[in-house]
Amino acid sequence: MRSPLFALALFFVAAPLHGQMERPRLRELGLQVGIFSPGPLNALTDVSGVRVGHVTLTRGDSVRTGVTAILPHPGNLFQEKVPAAIVVGNGFGKLVGSTQVEELGQIETPIILTNTLSVWEAANGVLDYMLALPGNERVRSINPIVGETNDGGLNDIRGRHVSRRHILEAIQNASGGPIEEGAVGAGTGTICFGWKGGIGTSSRLLPRSLGGFTIGVLVQTNYGGVLEIVGVPVGKEWGRYAFKEELEEKGDGSCMIIVATDAPLDRAQLKRLARRATLALGRTGSSMSHGSGDYVIAFTTHPQLRIRLGAERVQTVPRLKEDDLTQLFHAVVEATEEAIYNSLLKATTVKGMGGRTIEAIPLDRLREILKAYGKLK
């Protein structure tokens, strides 16, 4: 039976506002990024055990926001923490819980993405969830991880419409399998390169000869710059980019990047991996501007690396050889770049606060320019 929270959340959840037809992902458009193949779902959830849940809030003519929850494994994360690292590309943001991850190199709660002014309420929702879990009855300190981008261009962000119940619902709805992309969850009200942004995901599966590990990425895109898609200068060709007309547009914004892998990486190696994900922002046309909050949260799901309460004092754990990180570095750049494109391609046109409308990137026009540059037949 579905919980009462599910019914409450349904009040806020809506289909795409203009009933647009299903839009393609990058590979459905006929394009590929890089040399490595994706996993079966081409999603963050290709990493075994990882689950993702959304709550999308579209109410009236001004609420365009939401929540996305990422669970590294289906168990009690406080009792079985996962190794993790955070990298700051540009720190104009509010990433709750980052200092403890930096200090200890581990995550002990679901990761939540939402809007800028809702991070503290989201943290409270995570606390409600974690404190209620069996086994956590005596816990007196929990470090929620909550990231954000500012969706105030389409959403009544000052209204702070995200509540604790939406956080709980996103966590409870989290599942493996395909991930809904575009203007959903934490990407409901975001804008990317002047077009509708949102949630995007992708993955890479390394061949057995290179370890056979999986890398999954999920992004929440809300940033600007000069858009390039697989090397095609779309923004420049269309005359739609930051700094156009005497620096009139600043190109500010933010991007949250979540990286998961099943490779046995320690905290230092995860930080090295996370740092490479920011390279994909440059490939898409971002320079991580002054007003952009660009963060990468990376974790490993390798079961032998979980930090279990009450474990032995001295532990022997597997760790990937440093020389074998290069293929993971390459894979994470590819997956992040493709996830960003998927966030743009899957997003639908949204009309929000004040009647402002942000269009989805036009597919017919995009196909034309991609053909002109020889990327499509």
Protein backbone atom coordinates (compact mmCIF):
# COMPACT_ATOMS: atom_id res chain seq x y z
CA MET A 1 0.00 0.00 0.00
CA ARG A 2 1.29 3.45 -0.85
CA SER A 3 1.94 5.76 2.07
CA PRO A 4 -0.13 8.91 2.77
CA LEU A 5 2.99 10.86 1.77
CA PHE A 6 2.60 9.52 -1.76
CA ALA A 7 -0.89 10.98 -2.01
CA LEU A 8 0.30 14.32 -0.69
CA ALA A 9 3.10 14.46 -3.24
CA LEU A 10 0.76 13.61 -6.11
CA PHE A 11 -1.00 16.92 -5.51
CA PHE A 12 2.13 18.65 -6.72
CA VAL A 13 3.21 16.30 -9.52
CA ALA A 14 2.21 17.12 -13.06
CA ALA A 15 2.96 15.96 -16.58
CA PRO A 16 4.95 18.26 -18.89
CA LEU A 17 3.13 21.59 -18.92
CA HIS A 18 2.52 21.73 -22.64
CA GLY A 19 2.02 18.05 -23.34
CA GLN A 20 5.07 17.82 -25.58
CA MET A 21 5.83 14.52 -27.26
CA GLU A 22 8.54 12.29 -25.85
CA ARG A 23 11.93 13.78 -26.63
CA PRO A 24 15.06 11.78 -27.48
CA ARG A 25 18.21 11.20 -25.51
CA LEU A 26 21.51 11.88 -27.26
CA ARG A 27 21.94 8.35 -28.59
CA GLU A 28 18.36 8.24 -29.83
CA LEU A 29 19.22 11.37 -31.80
CA GLY A 30 21.99 9.36 -33.47
CA LEU A 31 24.98 10.80 -31.61
CA GLN A 32 27.59 9.30 -29.30
CA VAL A 33 30.12 10.75 -26.91
CA GLY A 34 33.52 9.17 -26.59
CA ILE A 35 34.86 5.66 -27.05
CA PHE A 36 33.44 3.62 -24.19
CA SER A 37 30.04 1.95 -24.26
CA PRO A 38 27.27 2.85 -21.80
CA GLY A 39 25.77 0.39 -19.36
CA PRO A 40 22.41 -1.28 -20.12
CA LEU A 41 20.38 1.74 -18.95
CA ASN A 42 22.96 4.42 -19.76
CA ALA A 43 22.18 5.83 -16.32
CA LEU A 44 23.52 6.33 -12.81
CA THR A 45 21.52 3.27 -11.79
CA ASP A 46 23.74 1.03 -13.93
CA VAL A 47 25.94 1.05 -10.84
CA SER A 48 24.51 -1.84 -8.84
CA GLY A 49 22.47 -0.86 -5.80
CA VAL A 50 22.13 2.83 -6.63
CA ARG A 51 18.57 4.16 -6.56
CA VAL A 52 17.08 7.49 -7.67
CA GLY A 53 13.74 9.12 -6.84
CA HIS A 54 12.06 12.35 -7.92
CA VAL A 55 9.29 14.55 -6.60
CA THR A 56 8.20 17.18 -9.13
CA LEU A 57 6.31 20.24 -7.87
CA THR A 58 4.26 22.09 -10.51
CA ARG A 59 1.46 24.01 -8.84
CA GLY A 60 -0.45 26.98 -10.26
CA ASP A 61 1.56 29.37 -12.43
CA SER A 62 4.56 29.89 -10.17
CA VAL A 63 5.71 26.66 -8.48
CA ARG A 64 8.26 24.93 -10.71
CA THR A 65 10.67 23.05 -8.49
CA GLY A 66 11.30 19.66 -6.95
CA VAL A 67 13.53 17.12 -5.29
CA THR A 68 15.84 14.39 -6.55
CA ALA A 69 17.15 11.77 -4.12
CA ILE A 70 20.15 9.51 -4.77
CA LEU A 71 20.68 6.48 -2.53
CA PRO A 72 24.11 4.80 -2.84
CA HIS A 73 22.74 1.47 -1.57
CA PRO A 74 19.40 0.15 -0.29
CA GLY A 75 20.52 -0.40 3.30
CA ASN A 76 20.94 1.86 6.33
CA LEU A 77 23.55 4.37 5.15
CA PHE A 78 24.42 5.47 8.68
CA GLN A 79 25.22 1.91 9.68
CA GLU A 80 27.00 1.22 6.37
CA LYS A 81 28.59 4.41 5.12
CA VAL A 82 30.19 4.64 1.67
CA PRO A 83 33.56 6.17 0.74
CA ALA A 84 33.06 9.52 -0.97
CA ALA A 85 34.67 12.76 -2.07
CA ILE A 86 33.50 16.24 -3.06
CA VAL A 87 35.21 18.52 -5.57
CA VAL A 88 34.36 22.21 -5.92
CA GLY A 89 34.66 23.59 -9.44
CA ASN A 90 33.29 26.98 -8.42
CA GLY A 91 31.93 27.42 -4.92
CA PHE A 92 29.03 29.84 -5.40
CA GLY A 93 26.56 27.44 -3.79
CA LYS A 94 25.12 25.88 -0.68
CA LEU A 95 26.27 22.28 -0.46
CA VAL A 96 25.10 21.17 2.98
CA GLY A 97 27.31 18.60 4.67
CA SER A 98 30.38 19.08 2.49
CA THR A 99 32.92 19.72 5.26
CA GLN A 100 32.33 16.40 6.99
CA VAL A 101 32.66 14.55 3.69
CA GLU A 102 35.91 16.42 3.09
CA GLU A 103 37.16 15.52 6.56
CA LEU A 104 36.08 11.88 6.79
CA GLY A 105 35.76 10.83 3.16
CA GLN A 106 32.39 9.16 3.61
CA ILE A 107 28.66 9.65 3.08
CA GLU A 108 26.10 8.48 5.63
CA THR A 109 22.76 9.67 4.19
CA PRO A 110 20.94 9.82 0.87
CA ILE A 111 22.11 12.67 -1.38
CA ILE A 112 19.40 15.24 -2.04
CA LEU A 113 19.24 17.80 -4.86
CA THR A 114 16.75 20.67 -4.77
CA ASN A 115 16.60 24.48 -5.11
CA THR A 116 18.83 27.00 -3.36
CA LEU A 117 16.44 28.20 -0.66
CA SER A 118 15.20 24.71 0.20
CA VAL A 119 18.47 23.05 1.19
CA TRP A 120 17.91 23.49 4.92
CA GLU A 121 14.38 22.11 4.86
CA ALA A 122 15.69 19.27 2.72
CA ALA A 123 18.36 18.55 5.34
CA ASN A 124 15.64 18.36 7.98
CA GLY A 125 13.73 15.90 5.82
CA VAL A 126 16.84 13.71 5.55
CA LEU A 127 17.20 13.82 9.32
CA ASP A 128 13.58 12.73 9.76
CA TYR A 129 14.20 9.79 7.47
CA MET A 130 17.50 8.71 9.00
CA LEU A 131 16.47 9.06 12.65
CA ALA A 132 13.42 6.87 12.01
CA LEU A 133 15.40 3.97 10.53
CA PRO A 134 15.62 0.81 12.65
CA GLY A 135 19.05 0.67 14.25
CA ASN A 136 19.41 4.45 14.49
CA GLU A 137 17.45 4.90 17.73
CA ARG A 138 20.48 6.17 19.67
CA VAL A 139 22.06 8.25 16.89
CA ARG A 140 22.71 11.86 17.92
CA SER A 141 24.73 13.19 14.97
CA ILE A 142 23.92 12.83 11.26
CA ASN A 143 25.47 14.63 8.29
CA PRO A 144 22.86 15.20 5.52
CA ILE A 145 24.19 15.86 2.02
CA VAL A 146 22.06 18.39 0.13
CA GLY A 147 23.04 20.14 -3.10
CA GLU A 148 21.22 22.79 -5.07
CA THR A 149 20.87 25.03 -8.06
CA ASN A 150 18.85 28.24 -8.21
CA ASP A 151 15.58 27.79 -10.11
CA GLY A 152 14.29 31.28 -9.31
CA GLY A 153 13.97 32.17 -13.00
CA LEU A 154 10.90 29.94 -13.33
CA ASN A 155 10.00 29.07 -9.76
CA ASP A 156 8.68 31.08 -6.82
CA ILE A 157 11.85 30.21 -4.94
CA ARG A 158 11.13 32.61 -2.07
CA GLY A 159 7.95 30.68 -1.36
CA ARG A 160 10.08 27.67 -0.27
CA HIS A 161 7.52 25.16 -1.45
CA VAL A 162 9.74 22.11 -0.88
CA SER A 163 8.85 20.54 2.46
CA ARG A 164 10.13 17.64 4.53
CA ARG A 165 7.40 15.37 3.21
CA HIS A 166 8.68 15.87 -0.35
CA ILE A 167 12.16 14.78 0.74
CA LEU A 168 10.74 11.67 2.39
CA GLU A 169 8.65 10.91 -0.68
CA ALA A 170 11.62 11.22 -3.04
CA ILE A 171 13.64 8.86 -0.85
CA GLN A 172 10.78 6.38 -0.51
CA ASN A 173 10.12 6.44 -4.27
CA ALA A 174 13.77 5.88 -5.13
CA SER A 175 14.39 2.81 -7.26
CA GLY A 176 16.82 1.26 -9.69
CA GLY A 177 16.02 1.07 -13.36
CA PRO A 178 15.55 3.89 -15.88
CA ILE A 179 15.74 7.44 -14.53
CA GLU A 180 13.29 10.10 -15.66
CA GLU A 181 15.18 13.03 -17.17
CA GLY A 182 14.57 16.64 -18.16
CA ALA A 183 12.19 18.98 -16.33
CA VAL A 184 11.59 16.67 -13.40
CA GLY A 185 12.57 16.55 -9.74
CA ALA A 186 15.31 19.01 -8.88
CA GLY A 187 15.51 19.95 -12.57
CA THR A 188 11.90 21.14 -12.88
CA GLY A 189 12.72 24.85 -12.93
CA THR A 190 16.34 24.95 -14.11
CA ILE A 191 17.76 26.69 -17.19
CA CYS A 192 20.85 25.67 -19.16
CA PHE A 193 22.52 27.82 -21.86
CA GLY A 194 19.26 29.77 -22.13
CA TRP A 195 17.26 26.62 -22.88
CA LYS A 196 15.34 24.43 -20.50
CA GLY A 197 17.76 22.35 -18.46
CA GLY A 198 17.09 19.69 -15.87
CA ILE A 199 18.11 16.22 -14.81
CA GLY A 200 20.30 14.12 -17.09
CA THR A 201 22.14 10.86 -16.65
CA SER A 202 24.56 8.55 -18.44
CA SER A 203 27.00 5.73 -17.71
CA ARG A 204 30.05 3.92 -19.01
CA LEU A 205 30.93 0.24 -18.71
CA LEU A 206 34.64 -0.44 -19.04
CA PRO A 207 35.67 -3.57 -20.96
CA ARG A 208 36.96 -6.48 -18.90
CA SER A 209 40.49 -5.80 -20.12
CA LEU A 210 40.29 -2.42 -18.35
CA GLY A 211 38.69 -3.69 -15.17
CA GLY A 212 35.04 -4.10 -16.17
CA PHE A 213 33.95 -1.35 -13.77
CA THR A 214 30.87 0.84 -14.18
CA ILE A 215 30.75 4.63 -13.89
CA GLY A 216 27.37 6.35 -13.58
CA VAL A 217 26.64 10.08 -13.60
CA LEU A 218 23.58 12.21 -12.83
CA VAL A 219 23.50 15.99 -13.35
CA GLN A 220 21.24 18.87 -12.39
CA THR A 221 21.99 21.51 -15.04
CA ASN A 222 21.34 25.21 -14.45
CA TYR A 223 24.28 27.06 -15.95
CA GLY A 224 25.34 29.19 -18.92
CA GLY A 225 28.17 29.77 -21.35
CA VAL A 226 28.53 29.15 -25.07
CA LEU A 227 26.78 25.86 -25.82
CA GLU A 228 28.63 23.17 -27.74
CA ILE A 229 27.17 19.76 -28.49
CA VAL A 230 29.65 17.05 -29.50
CA GLY A 231 32.00 19.79 -30.64
CA VAL A 232 29.43 21.73 -32.69
CA PRO A 233 29.30 25.44 -31.68
CA VAL A 234 25.51 25.55 -31.35
CA GLY A 235 25.36 28.65 -29.18
CA LYS A 236 27.72 30.64 -31.39
CA GLU A 237 25.99 29.59 -34.61
CA TRP A 238 22.58 30.47 -33.22
CA GLY A 239 23.79 33.75 -31.73
CA ARG A 240 22.62 32.67 -28.30
CA TYR A 241 25.35 32.69 -25.70
CA ALA A 242 26.84 34.40 -22.67
CA PHE A 243 28.62 37.76 -23.17
CA LYS A 244 26.67 38.47 -26.35
CA GLU A 245 25.82 42.14 -26.95
CA GLU A 246 28.49 43.85 -24.85
CA LEU A 247 28.56 41.36 -22.02
CA GLU A 248 24.85 41.79 -21.41
CA GLU A 249 24.47 38.20 -20.29
CA LYS A 250 26.80 36.88 -17.60
CA GLY A 251 26.26 33.16 -18.10
CA ASP A 252 26.00 32.46 -14.38
CA GLY A 253 24.29 29.41 -12.94
CA SER A 254 25.15 26.08 -11.36
CA CYS A 255 25.61 22.38 -12.01
CA MET A 256 25.45 19.52 -9.55
CA ILE A 257 27.22 16.35 -10.70
CA ILE A 258 26.78 13.01 -8.91
CA VAL A 259 29.25 10.25 -9.80
CA ALA A 260 28.88 6.62 -8.71
CA THR A 261 31.17 3.68 -9.40
CA ASP A 262 31.58 0.08 -8.30
CA ALA A 263 35.38 0.32 -8.60
CA PRO A 264 37.30 -0.11 -5.32
CA LEU A 265 38.46 3.48 -4.87
CA ASP A 266 39.52 5.17 -1.65
CA ARG A 267 38.64 8.75 -0.76
CA ALA A 268 41.72 10.22 -2.46
CA GLN A 269 41.05 8.29 -5.66
CA LEU A 270 37.40 9.34 -5.60
CA LYS A 271 38.48 12.96 -5.35
CA ARG A 272 40.74 12.50 -8.36
CA LEU A 273 37.83 10.93 -10.24
CA ALA A 274 35.44 13.73 -9.26
CA ARG A 275 37.89 16.38 -10.41
CA ARG A 276 37.84 14.94 -13.95
CA ALA A 277 34.05 15.24 -14.18
CA THR A 278 34.37 19.03 -14.26
CA LEU A 279 36.21 18.74 -17.58
CA ALA A 280 32.88 17.86 -19.17
CA LEU A 281 31.50 21.27 -18.24
CA GLY A 282 34.15 22.86 -20.43
CA ARG A 283 33.35 20.50 -23.29
CA THR A 284 29.74 21.73 -23.25
CA GLY A 285 30.74 25.40 -23.23
CA SER A 286 30.91 26.38 -19.56
CA SER A 287 33.76 28.33 -17.98
CA MET A 288 32.36 27.85 -14.44
CA SER A 289 31.55 31.53 -14.09
CA HIS A 290 31.74 33.69 -10.97
CA GLY A 291 28.13 33.07 -9.99
CA SER A 292 28.10 29.35 -10.73
CA GLY A 293 27.97 26.66 -8.05
CA ASP A 294 29.64 23.67 -9.69
CA TYR A 295 30.11 20.63 -7.46
CA VAL A 296 30.91 16.96 -7.94
CA ILE A 297 29.97 14.33 -5.36
CA ALA A 298 31.59 10.95 -6.06
CA PHE A 299 31.14 7.69 -4.18
CA THR A 300 31.86 4.00 -4.56
CA THR A 301 29.39 1.22 -3.92
CA HIS A 302 32.03 -1.50 -3.60
CA PRO A 303 30.67 -3.64 -0.73
CA GLN A 304 34.06 -4.36 0.83
CA LEU A 305 34.71 -0.64 1.22
CA ARG A 306 31.62 0.22 3.25
CA ILE A 307 32.39 1.74 6.63
CA ARG A 308 30.39 -0.38 9.06
CA LEU A 309 29.74 0.58 12.66
CA GLY A 310 31.38 -1.87 15.03
CA ALA A 311 33.83 -3.15 12.42
CA GLU A 312 37.32 -4.36 13.27
CA ARG A 313 39.80 -1.74 14.43
CA VAL A 314 42.33 -2.58 11.72
CA GLN A 315 40.85 -3.29 8.32
CA THR A 316 42.22 -4.67 5.09
CA VAL A 317 40.28 -3.44 2.08
CA PRO A 318 40.76 -3.63 -1.70
CA ARG A 319 42.06 -0.59 -3.53
CA LEU A 320 42.52 -0.05 -7.24
CA LYS A 321 46.05 0.47 -8.48
CA GLU A 322 46.71 4.13 -9.29
CA ASP A 323 47.88 3.29 -12.80
CA ASP A 324 44.43 1.90 -13.58
CA LEU A 325 42.59 5.13 -12.78
CA THR A 326 43.15 6.65 -16.21
CA GLN A 327 40.38 4.67 -17.90
CA LEU A 328 37.98 5.67 -15.13
CA PHE A 329 38.98 9.31 -15.61
CA HIS A 330 38.19 9.09 -19.29
CA ALA A 331 34.91 7.31 -18.67
CA VAL A 332 33.65 9.87 -16.16
CA VAL A 333 34.31 12.75 -18.56
CA GLU A 334 32.37 10.96 -21.30
CA ALA A 335 29.44 10.07 -19.04
CA THR A 336 29.19 13.56 -17.56
CA GLU A 337 29.23 15.23 -20.96
CA GLU A 338 26.50 12.90 -22.25
CA ALA A 339 24.42 13.35 -19.10
CA ILE A 340 24.46 17.11 -19.64
CA TYR A 341 23.27 16.73 -23.23
CA ASN A 342 20.51 14.37 -22.07
CA SER A 343 19.34 16.96 -19.55
CA LEU A 344 18.87 19.46 -22.39
CA LEU A 345 17.40 17.08 -24.94
CA LYS A 346 14.87 15.49 -22.58
CA ALA A 347 13.72 18.77 -21.05
CA THR A 348 10.39 20.17 -22.17
CA THR A 349 9.28 23.79 -22.48
CA VAL A 350 8.19 25.24 -19.14
CA LYS A 351 6.15 28.34 -18.39
CA GLY A 352 6.65 29.57 -14.87
CA MET A 353 6.55 32.48 -12.48
CA GLY A 354 5.55 35.80 -14.01
CA GLY A 355 4.56 34.10 -17.23
CA ARG A 356 8.19 33.53 -18.19
CA THR A 357 8.62 30.68 -20.65
CA ILE A 358 11.86 28.80 -21.21
CA GLU A 359 11.80 26.78 -24.40
CA ALA A 360 13.20 23.31 -24.81
CA ILE A 361 16.11 23.23 -27.23
CA PRO A 362 14.50 22.92 -30.71
CA LEU A 363 15.19 19.45 -32.06
CA ASP A 364 14.59 20.13 -35.77
CA ARG A 365 16.91 23.10 -35.74
CA LEU A 366 19.48 21.13 -33.75
CA ARG A 367 19.40 18.29 -36.26
CA GLU A 368 20.02 20.78 -39.06
CA ILE A 369 23.15 22.24 -37.50
CA LEU A 370 24.46 18.82 -36.53
CA LYS A 371 24.04 17.69 -40.14
CA ALA A 372 25.74 20.83 -41.39
CA TYR A 373 28.79 19.97 -39.27
CA GLY A 374 28.76 16.35 -40.40
CA LYS A 375 27.66 14.87 -37.10
CA LEU A 376 24.42 13.45 -38.47
CA LYS A 377 23.58 12.00 -41.88
